[in-house]
């Protein structure tokens, strides 16, 4: 994937990324979400079986916000 830095600048976008997390960081993040301390904003929810639809929605130029894939229940 390539990104023209002018796109970031001219559209006043923010890019946040991470190449590696210490193991406790991810566990702490999940715990905070599960306890309701953090509520990530989601615009659209997709069951995992509809991952292709989520990918298409991600590519929509007017999309703003997070897309969430919901895994099936553990007993399925």
C-alpha atoms as a PDB file:
ATOM      1  CA  UNK A   1       0.000   0.000   0.000  1.00  0.00           C
ATOM      2  CA  UNK A   2       1.243   3.469  -0.748  1.00  0.00           C
ATOM      3  CA  UNK A   3       0.160   6.818   0.608  1.00  0.00           C
ATOM      4  CA  UNK A   4       0.842  10.233  -0.801  1.00  0.00           C
ATOM      5  CA  UNK A   5       1.702  12.402   2.218  1.00  0.00           C
ATOM      6  CA  UNK A   6       0.007  15.365   0.549  1.00  0.00           C
ATOM      7  CA  UNK A   7      -3.313  13.538   0.973  1.00  0.00           C
ATOM      8  CA  UNK A   8      -2.759  13.433   4.734  1.00  0.00           C
ATOM      9  CA  UNK A   9      -1.801  17.090   4.843  1.00  0.00           C
ATOM     10  CA  UNK A  10      -4.371  18.542   2.441  1.00  0.00           C
ATOM     11  CA  UNK A  11      -7.301  16.600   3.887  1.00  0.00           C
ATOM     12  CA  UNK A  12      -6.147  17.285   7.452  1.00  0.00           C
ATOM     13  CA  UNK A  13      -6.144  13.557   8.206  1.00  0.00           C
ATOM     14  CA  UNK A  14      -4.573  11.789  11.146  1.00  0.00           C
ATOM     15  CA  UNK A  15      -2.748   8.518  10.737  1.00  0.00           C
ATOM     16  CA  UNK A  16      -2.283   6.412  13.838  1.00  0.00           C
ATOM     17  CA  UNK A  17      -0.448   3.133  13.683  1.00  0.00           C
ATOM     18  CA  UNK A  18       1.593   0.681  15.594  1.00  0.00           C
ATOM     19  CA  UNK A  19       4.003  -1.953  14.373  1.00  0.00           C
ATOM     20  CA  UNK A  20       4.200  -3.884  17.623  1.00  0.00           C
ATOM     21  CA  UNK A  21       2.484  -3.865  20.987  1.00  0.00           C
ATOM     22  CA  UNK A  22       3.747  -5.195  24.236  1.00  0.00           C
ATOM     23  CA  UNK A  23       1.474  -8.049  25.252  1.00  0.00           C
ATOM     24  CA  UNK A  24       0.042  -6.256  28.339  1.00  0.00           C
ATOM     25  CA  UNK A  25      -1.013  -3.228  26.262  1.00  0.00           C
ATOM     26  CA  UNK A  26      -3.501  -5.178  24.157  1.00  0.00           C
ATOM     27  CA  UNK A  27      -4.890  -7.067  27.157  1.00  0.00           C
ATOM     28  CA  UNK A  28      -5.356  -3.778  29.038  1.00  0.00           C
ATOM     29  CA  UNK A  29      -7.138  -2.240  26.048  1.00  0.00           C
ATOM     30  CA  UNK A  30      -9.540  -5.176  25.733  1.00  0.00           C
ATOM     31  CA  UNK A  31     -10.212  -5.125  29.487  1.00  0.00           C
ATOM     32  CA  UNK A  32     -10.994  -1.396  29.369  1.00  0.00           C
ATOM     33  CA  UNK A  33     -13.448  -1.953  26.500  1.00  0.00           C
ATOM     34  CA  UNK A  34     -15.089  -4.923  28.276  1.00  0.00           C
ATOM     35  CA  UNK A  35     -15.512  -2.889  31.485  1.00  0.00           C
ATOM     36  CA  UNK A  36     -17.046   0.020  29.569  1.00  0.00           C
ATOM     37  CA  UNK A  37     -14.178   2.411  30.366  1.00  0.00           C
ATOM     38  CA  UNK A  38     -13.608   2.918  26.636  1.00  0.00           C
ATOM     39  CA  UNK A  39     -16.360   2.875  24.046  1.00  0.00           C
ATOM     40  CA  UNK A  40     -14.897   2.869  20.542  1.00  0.00           C
ATOM     41  CA  UNK A  41     -17.207   4.691  18.127  1.00  0.00           C
ATOM     42  CA  UNK A  42     -18.547   2.390  15.427  1.00  0.00           C
ATOM     43  CA  UNK A  43     -20.445   3.506  12.374  1.00  0.00           C
ATOM     44  CA  UNK A  44     -21.309   0.098  10.972  1.00  0.00           C
ATOM     45  CA  UNK A  45     -21.231  -3.432  12.343  1.00  0.00           C
ATOM     46  CA  UNK A  46     -20.732  -6.511  10.166  1.00  0.00           C
ATOM     47  CA  UNK A  47     -20.860 -10.184  11.114  1.00  0.00           C
ATOM     48  CA  UNK A  48     -17.516 -11.802  10.346  1.00  0.00           C
ATOM     49  CA  UNK A  49     -19.169 -13.827   7.588  1.00  0.00           C
ATOM     50  CA  UNK A  50     -19.736 -10.522   5.722  1.00  0.00           C
ATOM     51  CA  UNK A  51     -16.089  -9.432   5.756  1.00  0.00           C
ATOM     52  CA  UNK A  52     -16.194  -8.752   1.991  1.00  0.00           C
ATOM     53  CA  UNK A  53     -19.085  -6.300   2.507  1.00  0.00           C
ATOM     54  CA  UNK A  54     -17.090  -4.596   5.263  1.00  0.00           C
ATOM     55  CA  UNK A  55     -14.099  -4.273   2.955  1.00  0.00           C
ATOM     56  CA  UNK A  56     -16.277  -2.674   0.276  1.00  0.00           C
ATOM     57  CA  UNK A  57     -17.747  -0.265   2.833  1.00  0.00           C
ATOM     58  CA  UNK A  58     -14.222   0.617   3.982  1.00  0.00           C
ATOM     59  CA  UNK A  59     -13.361   1.714   0.451  1.00  0.00           C
ATOM     60  CA  UNK A  60     -16.347   4.092   0.179  1.00  0.00           C
ATOM     61  CA  UNK A  61     -14.865   7.598  -0.095  1.00  0.00           C
ATOM     62  CA  UNK A  62     -17.648   9.182   1.992  1.00  0.00           C
ATOM     63  CA  UNK A  63     -17.170   6.741   4.894  1.00  0.00           C
ATOM     64  CA  UNK A  64     -16.314   8.327   8.218  1.00  0.00           C
ATOM     65  CA  UNK A  65     -15.825   6.309  11.394  1.00  0.00           C
ATOM     66  CA  UNK A  66     -15.072   2.752  12.342  1.00  0.00           C
ATOM     67  CA  UNK A  67     -16.299  -0.479  10.806  1.00  0.00           C
ATOM     68  CA  UNK A  68     -16.520  -3.413  13.201  1.00  0.00           C
ATOM     69  CA  UNK A  69     -16.427  -7.128  12.426  1.00  0.00           C
ATOM     70  CA  UNK A  70     -18.354  -9.218  14.950  1.00  0.00           C
ATOM     71  CA  UNK A  71     -17.081 -12.771  15.397  1.00  0.00           C
ATOM     72  CA  UNK A  72     -19.628 -15.550  15.738  1.00  0.00           C
ATOM     73  CA  UNK A  73     -20.498 -16.749  19.241  1.00  0.00           C
ATOM     74  CA  UNK A  74     -17.990 -19.207  20.684  1.00  0.00           C
ATOM     75  CA  UNK A  75     -20.446 -22.100  20.611  1.00  0.00           C
ATOM     76  CA  UNK A  76     -21.004 -21.897  16.820  1.00  0.00           C
END
